[in-house]
Amino acid sequence: MVAFPQWDGKPVVQPAQDDLIYPDWMAGTWTMTSTLVEMVASNSKFKF
């Protein structure tokens, strides 16, 4: 945890203007697996 800065606010970024662009190597059909054991939401709290 020491390696990460303490964020006190949101970083300043520009909003996206266009669609996301994905690299060519992502094209095709993907097989996905998950290690999710239970459908439980985390207790994380976010400020907007």
N, C-alpha and C. Protein backbone atom coordinates (compact mmCIF):
# COMPACT_ATOMS: atom_id res chain seq x y z
N MET A 1 0.81 -1.20 0.00
CA MET A 1 0.00 0.00 0.00
C MET A 1 0.85 1.26 0.00
N VAL A 2 2.06 1.17 0.49
CA VAL A 2 2.93 2.34 0.55
C VAL A 2 3.27 2.85 -0.86
N ALA A 3 3.26 1.94 -1.84
CA ALA A 3 3.63 2.32 -3.21
C ALA A 3 2.56 3.16 -3.90
N PHE A 4 1.34 3.20 -3.37
CA PHE A 4 0.26 3.93 -4.02
C PHE A 4 0.02 5.26 -3.32
N PRO A 5 -0.25 6.30 -4.11
CA PRO A 5 -0.51 7.61 -3.50
C PRO A 5 -1.85 7.64 -2.78
N GLN A 6 -1.99 8.55 -1.86
CA GLN A 6 -3.27 8.76 -1.18
C GLN A 6 -4.10 9.72 -2.04
N TRP A 7 -5.14 9.22 -2.66
CA TRP A 7 -5.97 10.05 -3.52
C TRP A 7 -7.00 10.77 -2.66
N ASP A 8 -7.01 12.10 -2.75
CA ASP A 8 -7.99 12.88 -2.00
C ASP A 8 -9.15 13.33 -2.87
N GLY A 9 -9.03 13.21 -4.15
CA GLY A 9 -10.08 13.63 -5.07
C GLY A 9 -9.93 12.90 -6.38
N LYS A 10 -10.78 13.23 -7.31
CA LYS A 10 -10.73 12.60 -8.62
C LYS A 10 -9.62 13.23 -9.45
N PRO A 11 -8.91 12.42 -10.25
CA PRO A 11 -7.90 12.99 -11.14
C PRO A 11 -8.59 13.79 -12.26
N VAL A 12 -7.92 14.79 -12.77
CA VAL A 12 -8.47 15.62 -13.84
C VAL A 12 -8.22 14.91 -15.16
N VAL A 13 -9.30 14.53 -15.83
CA VAL A 13 -9.21 13.86 -17.13
C VAL A 13 -10.24 14.46 -18.08
N GLN A 14 -10.00 14.29 -19.36
CA GLN A 14 -10.95 14.75 -20.37
C GLN A 14 -11.95 13.63 -20.66
N PRO A 15 -13.22 13.97 -20.89
CA PRO A 15 -14.20 12.93 -21.25
C PRO A 15 -13.90 12.36 -22.63
N ALA A 16 -14.29 11.11 -22.85
CA ALA A 16 -14.08 10.46 -24.14
C ALA A 16 -14.91 11.16 -25.21
N GLN A 17 -14.36 11.29 -26.39
CA GLN A 17 -15.06 11.94 -27.49
C GLN A 17 -15.62 10.92 -28.48
N ASP A 18 -15.02 9.76 -28.58
CA ASP A 18 -15.42 8.73 -29.55
C ASP A 18 -15.58 7.39 -28.84
N ASP A 19 -15.89 6.36 -29.63
CA ASP A 19 -15.97 5.01 -29.11
C ASP A 19 -14.59 4.53 -28.70
N LEU A 20 -14.57 3.53 -27.83
CA LEU A 20 -13.30 2.92 -27.46
C LEU A 20 -12.72 2.19 -28.66
N ILE A 21 -11.41 2.19 -28.78
CA ILE A 21 -10.73 1.49 -29.87
C ILE A 21 -9.98 0.32 -29.26
N TYR A 22 -10.32 -0.88 -29.72
CA TYR A 22 -9.70 -2.09 -29.20
C TYR A 22 -8.63 -2.57 -30.17
N PRO A 23 -7.54 -3.15 -29.67
CA PRO A 23 -6.49 -3.67 -30.56
C PRO A 23 -6.99 -4.88 -31.35
N ASP A 24 -6.39 -5.12 -32.51
CA ASP A 24 -6.81 -6.22 -33.39
C ASP A 24 -6.75 -7.58 -32.70
N TRP A 25 -5.80 -7.76 -31.77
CA TRP A 25 -5.66 -9.07 -31.13
C TRP A 25 -6.85 -9.43 -30.24
N MET A 26 -7.74 -8.48 -29.98
CA MET A 26 -8.92 -8.77 -29.17
C MET A 26 -10.09 -9.29 -30.01
N ALA A 27 -9.97 -9.26 -31.33
CA ALA A 27 -11.05 -9.72 -32.21
C ALA A 27 -11.24 -11.22 -32.08
N GLY A 28 -12.46 -11.67 -32.30
CA GLY A 28 -12.73 -13.10 -32.29
C GLY A 28 -13.67 -13.50 -31.17
N THR A 29 -13.76 -14.79 -30.94
CA THR A 29 -14.61 -15.35 -29.91
C THR A 29 -13.76 -15.73 -28.71
N TRP A 30 -14.18 -15.31 -27.55
CA TRP A 30 -13.43 -15.58 -26.32
C TRP A 30 -14.23 -16.53 -25.43
N THR A 31 -13.54 -17.45 -24.78
CA THR A 31 -14.15 -18.33 -23.79
C THR A 31 -13.71 -17.83 -22.43
N MET A 32 -14.67 -17.52 -21.59
CA MET A 32 -14.36 -16.94 -20.28
C MET A 32 -14.77 -17.90 -19.17
N THR A 33 -14.01 -17.87 -18.09
CA THR A 33 -14.37 -18.61 -16.88
C THR A 33 -14.28 -17.65 -15.70
N SER A 34 -14.94 -18.00 -14.62
CA SER A 34 -14.94 -17.15 -13.44
C SER A 34 -14.74 -17.99 -12.20
N THR A 35 -14.10 -17.40 -11.21
CA THR A 35 -13.93 -18.08 -9.93
C THR A 35 -14.94 -17.57 -8.91
N LEU A 36 -15.94 -16.81 -9.37
CA LEU A 36 -16.97 -16.28 -8.48
C LEU A 36 -17.72 -17.43 -7.81
N VAL A 37 -17.77 -17.41 -6.50
CA VAL A 37 -18.42 -18.48 -5.74
C VAL A 37 -19.83 -18.09 -5.36
N GLU A 38 -20.04 -16.84 -4.94
CA GLU A 38 -21.35 -16.36 -4.53
C GLU A 38 -21.67 -15.04 -5.22
N MET A 39 -22.93 -14.77 -5.44
CA MET A 39 -23.35 -13.49 -6.00
C MET A 39 -23.55 -12.51 -4.85
N VAL A 40 -22.47 -11.97 -4.35
CA VAL A 40 -22.51 -11.06 -3.21
C VAL A 40 -21.85 -9.75 -3.62
N ALA A 41 -22.55 -8.64 -3.43
CA ALA A 41 -21.98 -7.33 -3.73
C ALA A 41 -21.03 -6.93 -2.62
N SER A 42 -19.99 -6.23 -2.98
CA SER A 42 -19.04 -5.77 -1.96
C SER A 42 -19.66 -4.64 -1.15
N ASN A 43 -19.07 -4.34 -0.04
CA ASN A 43 -19.55 -3.25 0.82
C ASN A 43 -18.87 -1.93 0.49
N SER A 44 -18.25 -1.84 -0.68
CA SER A 44 -17.55 -0.62 -1.07
C SER A 44 -18.52 0.54 -1.19
N LYS A 45 -18.08 1.69 -0.78
CA LYS A 45 -18.88 2.90 -0.88
C LYS A 45 -18.14 3.87 -1.79
N PHE A 46 -18.85 4.47 -2.74
CA PHE A 46 -18.26 5.39 -3.69
C PHE A 46 -18.92 6.75 -3.57
N LYS A 47 -18.13 7.79 -3.70
CA LYS A 47 -18.65 9.15 -3.74
C LYS A 47 -18.62 9.63 -5.17
N PHE A 48 -19.68 10.27 -5.63
CA PHE A 48 -19.71 10.82 -6.98
C PHE A 48 -19.91 12.30 -6.91
